[in-house]
Every structure is written in C-alpha cells, then in structure tokens.
Amino acid sequence: MSNQAESPLSNVKRAPATAAPEQRSNVAGVRSAADQRQVMIAEAAYYLALQRKFEPGHEVEDWLLAESQIDRVVTPGSPPAKRQ
C-alpha cells in the first residue's frame, strides 16, 4: 500500500496536447478561456459567411469581424464592430 493518497482527479481523462482545441480540456474537463474564445469566433465567422451565402474571398474579413464581435461581448465597453 502506498502512503500517498490518490487524487480525486486521477481518473479524469484528458485529450492529448496535440488534440484540436475543441477536444482539449483542462483537468476539470472544461475548455480554457482561449479555446472557448477561438470556438466562438469560428462559429460567428461561419454565420457571417452564411449570410453571404459563402461567397469566396471574405474569409479573413469574416474572421476579423467575428473576433471583434466576440471580444466586444466578452469585454463590455469596447467600441462596436464595423462591417466593411
């Protein structure tokens, strides 16, 4: 028998460090704030592209606008995003 007590989190399974951000989690099984932000930006960019019927050539614009929109929601008081 070992003198060391087993951690209550010792049975928590973690995704490998090489896993995609949406598959990675911390010890408690929750994505990091940076990973959550990245997923929210990707989803917002998708919906911006959907509004344009996925017309090519606007991917970076969609991403930057989505990033601005998410950051505005996460950080209240920042200036509104402008669509070019």
PDB file of N, CA and C in Angstrom:
ATOM      1  N   MET A   1       0.836  -1.185   0.000  1.00  0.00           N
ATOM      2  CA  MET A   1       0.000   0.000   0.000  1.00  0.00           C
ATOM      3  C   MET A   1       0.877   1.243   0.000  1.00  0.00           C
ATOM      4  N   SER A   2       0.499   2.225  -0.751  1.00  0.00           N
ATOM      5  CA  SER A   2       1.254   3.470  -0.854  1.00  0.00           C
ATOM      6  C   SER A   2       0.811   4.444   0.225  1.00  0.00           C
ATOM      7  N   ASN A   3       1.747   5.260   0.693  1.00  0.00           N
ATOM      8  CA  ASN A   3       1.421   6.273   1.688  1.00  0.00           C
ATOM      9  C   ASN A   3       0.775   7.507   1.068  1.00  0.00           C
ATOM     10  N   GLN A   4       0.880   7.630  -0.242  1.00  0.00           N
ATOM     11  CA  GLN A   4       0.317   8.798  -0.920  1.00  0.00           C
ATOM     12  C   GLN A   4      -1.158   8.567  -1.218  1.00  0.00           C
ATOM     13  N   ALA A   5      -1.964   9.574  -0.890  1.00  0.00           N
ATOM     14  CA  ALA A   5      -3.402   9.490  -1.174  1.00  0.00           C
ATOM     15  C   ALA A   5      -3.623   9.710  -2.663  1.00  0.00           C
ATOM     16  N   GLU A   6      -4.553   8.988  -3.220  1.00  0.00           N
ATOM     17  CA  GLU A   6      -4.867   9.138  -4.633  1.00  0.00           C
ATOM     18  C   GLU A   6      -5.689  10.402  -4.840  1.00  0.00           C
ATOM     19  N   SER A   7      -5.332  11.170  -5.849  1.00  0.00           N
ATOM     20  CA  SER A   7      -6.037  12.405  -6.153  1.00  0.00           C
ATOM     21  C   SER A   7      -7.436  12.082  -6.672  1.00  0.00           C
ATOM     22  N   PRO A   8      -8.454  12.877  -6.295  1.00  0.00           N
ATOM     23  CA  PRO A   8      -9.807  12.626  -6.820  1.00  0.00           C
ATOM     24  C   PRO A   8      -9.881  12.860  -8.328  1.00  0.00           C
ATOM     25  N   LEU A   9      -8.880  13.548  -8.891  1.00  0.00           N
ATOM     26  CA  LEU A   9      -8.877  13.814 -10.323  1.00  0.00           C
ATOM     27  C   LEU A   9      -8.002  12.830 -11.093  1.00  0.00           C
ATOM     28  N   SER A  10      -7.480  11.818 -10.414  1.00  0.00           N
ATOM     29  CA  SER A  10      -6.564  10.894 -11.068  1.00  0.00           C
ATOM     30  C   SER A  10      -7.232  10.076 -12.171  1.00  0.00           C
ATOM     31  N   ASN A  11      -8.543   9.939 -12.137  1.00  0.00           N
ATOM     32  CA  ASN A  11      -9.251   9.161 -13.157  1.00  0.00           C
ATOM     33  C   ASN A  11      -9.792  10.010 -14.298  1.00  0.00           C
ATOM     34  N   VAL A  12      -9.565  11.342 -14.252  1.00  0.00           N
ATOM     35  CA  VAL A  12     -10.059  12.221 -15.298  1.00  0.00           C
ATOM     36  C   VAL A  12      -9.227  12.014 -16.549  1.00  0.00           C
ATOM     37  N   LYS A  13      -9.886  11.728 -17.662  1.00  0.00           N
ATOM     38  CA  LYS A  13      -9.187  11.532 -18.927  1.00  0.00           C
ATOM     39  C   LYS A  13      -8.991  12.875 -19.610  1.00  0.00           C
ATOM     40  N   ARG A  14      -7.813  13.084 -20.164  1.00  0.00           N
ATOM     41  CA  ARG A  14      -7.504  14.329 -20.863  1.00  0.00           C
ATOM     42  C   ARG A  14      -7.149  14.005 -22.296  1.00  0.00           C
ATOM     43  N   ALA A  15      -7.499  14.913 -23.186  1.00  0.00           N
ATOM     44  CA  ALA A  15      -7.101  14.767 -24.573  1.00  0.00           C
ATOM     45  C   ALA A  15      -5.608  15.059 -24.677  1.00  0.00           C
ATOM     46  N   PRO A  16      -4.924  14.444 -25.624  1.00  0.00           N
ATOM     47  CA  PRO A  16      -3.502  14.724 -25.773  1.00  0.00           C
ATOM     48  C   PRO A  16      -3.267  16.187 -26.149  1.00  0.00           C
ATOM     49  N   ALA A  17      -2.077  16.694 -25.832  1.00  0.00           N
ATOM     50  CA  ALA A  17      -1.752  18.092 -26.113  1.00  0.00           C
ATOM     51  C   ALA A  17      -1.830  18.398 -27.600  1.00  0.00           C
ATOM     52  N   THR A  18      -1.716  17.375 -28.430  1.00  0.00           N
ATOM     53  CA  THR A  18      -1.776  17.584 -29.874  1.00  0.00           C
ATOM     54  C   THR A  18      -3.206  17.588 -30.398  1.00  0.00           C
ATOM     55  N   ALA A  19      -4.178  17.386 -29.534  1.00  0.00           N
ATOM     56  CA  ALA A  19      -5.585  17.369 -29.953  1.00  0.00           C
ATOM     57  C   ALA A  19      -6.011  18.758 -30.398  1.00  0.00           C
ATOM     58  N   ALA A  20      -7.009  18.805 -31.241  1.00  0.00           N
ATOM     59  CA  ALA A  20      -7.565  20.081 -31.683  1.00  0.00           C
ATOM     60  C   ALA A  20      -8.114  20.830 -30.480  1.00  0.00           C
ATOM     61  N   PRO A  21      -8.125  22.190 -30.531  1.00  0.00           N
ATOM     62  CA  PRO A  21      -8.591  22.970 -29.380  1.00  0.00           C
ATOM     63  C   PRO A  21      -9.961  22.550 -28.869  1.00  0.00           C
ATOM     64  N   GLU A  22     -10.875  22.174 -29.780  1.00  0.00           N
ATOM     65  CA  GLU A  22     -12.212  21.813 -29.324  1.00  0.00           C
ATOM     66  C   GLU A  22     -12.218  20.473 -28.586  1.00  0.00           C
ATOM     67  N   GLN A  23     -11.115  19.702 -28.673  1.00  0.00           N
ATOM     68  CA  GLN A  23     -11.033  18.429 -27.977  1.00  0.00           C
ATOM     69  C   GLN A  23     -10.210  18.522 -26.702  1.00  0.00           C
ATOM     70  N   ARG A  24      -9.401  19.577 -26.563  1.00  0.00           N
ATOM     71  CA  ARG A  24      -8.552  19.735 -25.379  1.00  0.00           C
ATOM     72  C   ARG A  24      -9.382  20.225 -24.213  1.00  0.00           C
ATOM     73  N   SER A  25      -9.016  19.828 -23.022  1.00  0.00           N
ATOM     74  CA  SER A  25      -9.685  20.331 -21.831  1.00  0.00           C
ATOM     75  C   SER A  25      -8.685  20.360 -20.698  1.00  0.00           C
ATOM     76  N   ASN A  26      -8.997  21.149 -19.685  1.00  0.00           N
ATOM     77  CA  ASN A  26      -8.119  21.162 -18.522  1.00  0.00           C
ATOM     78  C   ASN A  26      -8.502  20.004 -17.610  1.00  0.00           C
ATOM     79  N   VAL A  27      -7.902  19.933 -16.456  1.00  0.00           N
ATOM     80  CA  VAL A  27      -8.117  18.805 -15.545  1.00  0.00           C
ATOM     81  C   VAL A  27      -9.585  18.625 -15.200  1.00  0.00           C
ATOM     82  N   ALA A  28     -10.315  19.719 -15.035  1.00  0.00           N
ATOM     83  CA  ALA A  28     -11.723  19.624 -14.644  1.00  0.00           C
ATOM     84  C   ALA A  28     -12.630  19.303 -15.830  1.00  0.00           C
ATOM     85  N   GLY A  29     -12.080  19.161 -17.027  1.00  0.00           N
ATOM     86  CA  GLY A  29     -12.881  18.830 -18.193  1.00  0.00           C
ATOM     87  C   GLY A  29     -13.498  20.044 -18.859  1.00  0.00           C
ATOM     88  N   VAL A  30     -12.994  21.234 -18.568  1.00  0.00           N
ATOM     89  CA  VAL A  30     -13.527  22.470 -19.127  1.00  0.00           C
ATOM     90  C   VAL A  30     -12.488  23.070 -20.058  1.00  0.00           C
ATOM     91  N   ARG A  31     -12.930  23.570 -21.201  1.00  0.00           N
ATOM     92  CA  ARG A  31     -12.006  24.222 -22.132  1.00  0.00           C
ATOM     93  C   ARG A  31     -11.441  25.487 -21.507  1.00  0.00           C
ATOM     94  N   SER A  32     -10.236  25.839 -21.904  1.00  0.00           N
ATOM     95  CA  SER A  32      -9.651  27.084 -21.423  1.00  0.00           C
ATOM     96  C   SER A  32     -10.404  28.255 -22.053  1.00  0.00           C
ATOM     97  N   ALA A  33     -10.260  29.423 -21.465  1.00  0.00           N
ATOM     98  CA  ALA A  33     -10.928  30.616 -21.985  1.00  0.00           C
ATOM     99  C   ALA A  33     -10.455  30.903 -23.408  1.00  0.00           C
ATOM    100  N   ALA A  34      -9.180  30.701 -23.679  1.00  0.00           N
ATOM    101  CA  ALA A  34      -8.656  30.949 -25.029  1.00  0.00           C
ATOM    102  C   ALA A  34      -9.280  29.988 -26.039  1.00  0.00           C
ATOM    103  N   ASP A  35      -9.442  28.721 -25.646  1.00  0.00           N
ATOM    104  CA  ASP A  35     -10.071  27.747 -26.539  1.00  0.00           C
ATOM    105  C   ASP A  35     -11.542  28.086 -26.768  1.00  0.00           C
ATOM    106  N   GLN A  36     -12.240  28.495 -25.716  1.00  0.00           N
ATOM    107  CA  GLN A  36     -13.650  28.872 -25.849  1.00  0.00           C
ATOM    108  C   GLN A  36     -13.789  30.071 -26.775  1.00  0.00           C
ATOM    109  N   ARG A  37     -12.900  31.054 -26.622  1.00  0.00           N
ATOM    110  CA  ARG A  37     -12.930  32.250 -27.466  1.00  0.00           C
ATOM    111  C   ARG A  37     -12.732  31.860 -28.929  1.00  0.00           C
ATOM    112  N   GLN A  38     -11.767  30.974 -29.197  1.00  0.00           N
ATOM    113  CA  GLN A  38     -11.478  30.541 -30.570  1.00  0.00           C
ATOM    114  C   GLN A  38     -12.694  29.866 -31.193  1.00  0.00           C
ATOM    115  N   VAL A  39     -13.368  29.023 -30.434  1.00  0.00           N
ATOM    116  CA  VAL A  39     -14.561  28.329 -30.935  1.00  0.00           C
ATOM    117  C   VAL A  39     -15.680  29.339 -31.215  1.00  0.00           C
ATOM    118  N   MET A  40     -15.879  30.293 -30.306  1.00  0.00           N
ATOM    119  CA  MET A  40     -16.926  31.307 -30.508  1.00  0.00           C
ATOM    120  C   MET A  40     -16.641  32.144 -31.756  1.00  0.00           C
ATOM    121  N   ILE A  41     -15.382  32.507 -31.969  1.00  0.00           N
ATOM    122  CA  ILE A  41     -15.018  33.294 -33.151  1.00  0.00           C
ATOM    123  C   ILE A  41     -15.284  32.489 -34.417  1.00  0.00           C
ATOM    124  N   ALA A  42     -14.886  31.224 -34.416  1.00  0.00           N
ATOM    125  CA  ALA A  42     -15.100  30.370 -35.589  1.00  0.00           C
ATOM    126  C   ALA A  42     -16.591  30.246 -35.909  1.00  0.00           C
ATOM    127  N   GLU A  43     -17.416  30.086 -34.889  1.00  0.00           N
ATOM    128  CA  GLU A  43     -18.863  29.973 -35.111  1.00  0.00           C
ATOM    129  C   GLU A  43     -19.442  31.289 -35.633  1.00  0.00           C
ATOM    130  N   ALA A  44     -19.009  32.403 -35.062  1.00  0.00           N
ATOM    131  CA  ALA A  44     -19.505  33.706 -35.525  1.00  0.00           C
ATOM    132  C   ALA A  44     -19.081  33.955 -36.967  1.00  0.00           C
ATOM    133  N   ALA A  45     -17.834  33.610 -37.315  1.00  0.00           N
ATOM    134  CA  ALA A  45     -17.351  33.781 -38.692  1.00  0.00           C
ATOM    135  C   ALA A  45     -18.157  32.914 -39.656  1.00  0.00           C
ATOM    136  N   TYR A  46     -18.512  31.720 -39.226  1.00  0.00           N
ATOM    137  CA  TYR A  46     -19.334  30.832 -40.046  1.00  0.00           C
ATOM    138  C   TYR A  46     -20.684  31.489 -40.363  1.00  0.00           C
ATOM    139  N   TYR A  47     -21.322  32.060 -39.352  1.00  0.00           N
ATOM    140  CA  TYR A  47     -22.631  32.668 -39.571  1.00  0.00           C
ATOM    141  C   TYR A  47     -22.536  33.932 -40.429  1.00  0.00           C
ATOM    142  N   LEU A  48     -21.431  34.661 -40.330  1.00  0.00           N
ATOM    143  CA  LEU A  48     -21.229  35.813 -41.214  1.00  0.00           C
ATOM    144  C   LEU A  48     -21.104  35.329 -42.662  1.00  0.00           C
ATOM    145  N   ALA A  49     -20.346  34.264 -42.867  1.00  0.00           N
ATOM    146  CA  ALA A  49     -20.189  33.698 -44.212  1.00  0.00           C
ATOM    147  C   ALA A  49     -21.523  33.152 -44.721  1.00  0.00           C
ATOM    148  N   LEU A  50     -22.290  32.543 -43.851  1.00  0.00           N
ATOM    149  CA  LEU A  50     -23.600  32.015 -44.224  1.00  0.00           C
ATOM    150  C   LEU A  50     -24.514  33.127 -44.733  1.00  0.00           C
ATOM    151  N   GLN A  51     -24.466  34.291 -44.075  1.00  0.00           N
ATOM    152  CA  GLN A  51     -25.287  35.427 -44.513  1.00  0.00           C
ATOM    153  C   GLN A  51     -24.939  35.857 -45.934  1.00  0.00           C
ATOM    154  N   ARG A  52     -23.683  35.660 -46.333  1.00  0.00           N
ATOM    155  CA  ARG A  52     -23.228  35.998 -47.684  1.00  0.00           C
ATOM    156  C   ARG A  52     -23.337  34.821 -48.637  1.00  0.00           C
ATOM    157  N   LYS A  53     -23.917  33.754 -48.189  1.00  0.00           N
ATOM    158  CA  LYS A  53     -24.021  32.517 -48.976  1.00  0.00           C
ATOM    159  C   LYS A  53     -22.637  31.988 -49.349  1.00  0.00           C
ATOM    160  N   PHE A  54     -21.684  32.169 -48.431  1.00  0.00           N
ATOM    161  CA  PHE A  54     -20.323  31.648 -48.559  1.00  0.00           C
ATOM    162  C   PHE A  54     -19.599  32.146 -49.804  1.00  0.00           C
ATOM    163  N   GLU A  55     -19.900  33.375 -50.196  1.00  0.00           N
ATOM    164  CA  GLU A  55     -19.185  33.985 -51.316  1.00  0.00           C
ATOM    165  C   GLU A  55     -17.693  34.002 -50.980  1.00  0.00           C
ATOM    166  N   PRO A  56     -16.847  33.448 -51.859  1.00  0.00           N
ATOM    167  CA  PRO A  56     -15.423  33.353 -51.537  1.00  0.00           C
ATOM    168  C   PRO A  56     -14.729  34.715 -51.521  1.00  0.00           C
ATOM    169  N   GLY A  57     -13.597  34.760 -50.820  1.00  0.00           N
ATOM    170  CA  GLY A  57     -12.781  35.964 -50.789  1.00  0.00           C
ATOM    171  C   GLY A  57     -12.991  36.851 -49.576  1.00  0.00           C
ATOM    172  N   HIS A  58     -13.876  36.440 -48.664  1.00  0.00           N
ATOM    173  CA  HIS A  58     -14.182  37.267 -47.486  1.00  0.00           C
ATOM    174  C   HIS A  58     -13.837  36.560 -46.174  1.00  0.00           C
ATOM    175  N   GLU A  59     -13.049  35.499 -46.255  1.00  0.00           N
ATOM    176  CA  GLU A  59     -12.781  34.681 -45.077  1.00  0.00           C
ATOM    177  C   GLU A  59     -12.077  35.474 -43.973  1.00  0.00           C
ATOM    178  N   VAL A  60     -11.052  36.232 -44.345  1.00  0.00           N
ATOM    179  CA  VAL A  60     -10.302  36.997 -43.341  1.00  0.00           C
ATOM    180  C   VAL A  60     -11.180  38.103 -42.770  1.00  0.00           C
ATOM    181  N   GLU A  61     -11.930  38.768 -43.635  1.00  0.00           N
ATOM    182  CA  GLU A  61     -12.852  39.817 -43.176  1.00  0.00           C
ATOM    183  C   GLU A  61     -13.861  39.248 -42.183  1.00  0.00           C
ATOM    184  N   ASP A  62     -14.425  38.083 -42.513  1.00  0.00           N
ATOM    185  CA  ASP A  62     -15.390  37.437 -41.612  1.00  0.00           C
ATOM    186  C   ASP A  62     -14.739  37.102 -40.273  1.00  0.00           C
ATOM    187  N   TRP A  63     -13.517  36.563 -40.332  1.00  0.00           N
ATOM    188  CA  TRP A  63     -12.839  36.175 -39.100  1.00  0.00           C
ATOM    189  C   TRP A  63     -12.573  37.405 -38.228  1.00  0.00           C
ATOM    190  N   LEU A  64     -12.052  38.477 -38.832  1.00  0.00           N
ATOM    191  CA  LEU A  64     -11.721  39.672 -38.060  1.00  0.00           C
ATOM    192  C   LEU A  64     -12.965  40.334 -37.475  1.00  0.00           C
ATOM    193  N   LEU A  65     -14.043  40.363 -38.245  1.00  0.00           N
ATOM    194  CA  LEU A  65     -15.288  40.931 -37.729  1.00  0.00           C
ATOM    195  C   LEU A  65     -15.838  40.063 -36.598  1.00  0.00           C
ATOM    196  N   ALA A  66     -15.804  38.761 -36.783  1.00  0.00           N
ATOM    197  CA  ALA A  66     -16.269  37.847 -35.734  1.00  0.00           C
ATOM    198  C   ALA A  66     -15.427  38.012 -34.467  1.00  0.00           C
ATOM    199  N   GLU A  67     -14.132  38.131 -34.638  1.00  0.00           N
ATOM    200  CA  GLU A  67     -13.236  38.324 -33.496  1.00  0.00           C
ATOM    201  C   GLU A  67     -13.593  39.607 -32.744  1.00  0.00           C
ATOM    202  N   SER A  68     -13.848  40.657 -33.499  1.00  0.00           N
ATOM    203  CA  SER A  68     -14.233  41.931 -32.901  1.00  0.00           C
ATOM    204  C   SER A  68     -15.566  41.817 -32.162  1.00  0.00           C
ATOM    205  N   GLN A  69     -16.521  41.123 -32.778  1.00  0.00           N
ATOM    206  CA  GLN A  69     -17.837  40.963 -32.156  1.00  0.00           C
ATOM    207  C   GLN A  69     -17.745  40.158 -30.866  1.00  0.00           C
ATOM    208  N   ILE A  70     -16.992  39.070 -30.885  1.00  0.00           N
ATOM    209  CA  ILE A  70     -16.858  38.234 -29.695  1.00  0.00           C
ATOM    210  C   ILE A  70     -16.136  38.994 -28.594  1.00  0.00           C
ATOM    211  N   ASP A  71     -15.064  39.686 -28.959  1.00  0.00           N
ATOM    212  CA  ASP A  71     -14.325  40.446 -27.949  1.00  0.00           C
ATOM    213  C   ASP A  71     -15.190  41.549 -27.343  1.00  0.00           C
ATOM    214  N   ARG A  72     -16.060  42.141 -28.149  1.00  0.00           N
ATOM    215  CA  ARG A  72     -16.963  43.179 -27.640  1.00  0.00           C
ATOM    216  C   ARG A  72     -17.943  42.594 -26.630  1.00  0.00           C
ATOM    217  N   VAL A  73     -18.424  41.400 -26.889  1.00  0.00           N
ATOM    218  CA  VAL A  73     -19.364  40.744 -25.978  1.00  0.00           C
ATOM    219  C   VAL A  73     -18.644  40.315 -24.698  1.00  0.00           C
ATOM    220  N   VAL A  74     -17.446  39.779 -24.855  1.00  0.00           N
ATOM    221  CA  VAL A  74     -16.684  39.296 -23.714  1.00  0.00           C
ATOM    222  C   VAL A  74     -16.128  40.452 -22.892  1.00  0.00           C
ATOM    223  N   THR A  75     -15.786  41.574 -23.569  1.00  0.00           N
ATOM    224  CA  THR A  75     -15.234  42.748 -22.896  1.00  0.00           C
ATOM    225  C   THR A  75     -16.180  43.923 -23.120  1.00  0.00           C
ATOM    226  N   PRO A  76     -17.236  44.052 -22.308  1.00  0.00           N
ATOM    227  CA  PRO A  76     -18.188  45.134 -22.489  1.00  0.00           C
ATOM    228  C   PRO A  76     -17.491  46.506 -22.410  1.00  0.00           C
ATOM    229  N   GLY A  77     -18.002  47.444 -23.180  1.00  0.00           N
ATOM    230  CA  GLY A  77     -17.442  48.786 -23.182  1.00  0.00           C
ATOM    231  C   GLY A  77     -16.500  49.045 -24.335  1.00  0.00           C
ATOM    232  N   SER A  78     -16.147  47.997 -25.097  1.00  0.00           N
ATOM    233  CA  SER A  78     -15.295  48.214 -26.260  1.00  0.00           C
ATOM    234  C   SER A  78     -16.144  48.742 -27.413  1.00  0.00           C
ATOM    235  N   PRO A  79     -15.532  49.459 -28.365  1.00  0.00           N
ATOM    236  CA  PRO A  79     -16.309  50.051 -29.456  1.00  0.00           C
ATOM    237  C   PRO A  79     -16.952  48.995 -30.332  1.00  0.00           C
ATOM    238  N   PRO A  80     -18.092  49.316 -30.960  1.00  0.00           N
ATOM    239  CA  PRO A  80     -18.793  48.342 -31.803  1.00  0.00           C
ATOM    240  C   PRO A  80     -17.985  47.971 -33.052  1.00  0.00           C
ATOM    241  N   ALA A  81     -18.168  46.761 -33.509  1.00  0.00           N
ATOM    242  CA  ALA A  81     -17.510  46.299 -34.727  1.00  0.00           C
ATOM    243  C   ALA A  81     -18.207  46.910 -35.932  1.00  0.00           C
ATOM    244  N   LYS A  82     -17.429  47.215 -36.972  1.00  0.00           N
ATOM    245  CA  LYS A  82     -17.992  47.777 -38.194  1.00  0.00           C
ATOM    246  C   LYS A  82     -17.740  46.812 -39.334  1.00  0.00           C
ATOM    247  N   ARG A  83     -18.765  46.500 -40.091  1.00  0.00           N
ATOM    248  CA  ARG A  83     -18.637  45.638 -41.256  1.00  0.00           C
ATOM    249  C   ARG A  83     -18.262  46.489 -42.439  1.00  0.00           C
ATOM    250  N   GLN A  84     -17.222  46.096 -43.158  1.00  0.00           N
ATOM    251  CA  GLN A  84     -16.766  46.886 -44.313  1.00  0.00           C
ATOM    252  C   GLN A  84     -17.538  46.558 -45.546  1.00  0.00           C
TER     253      GLN A  84
END
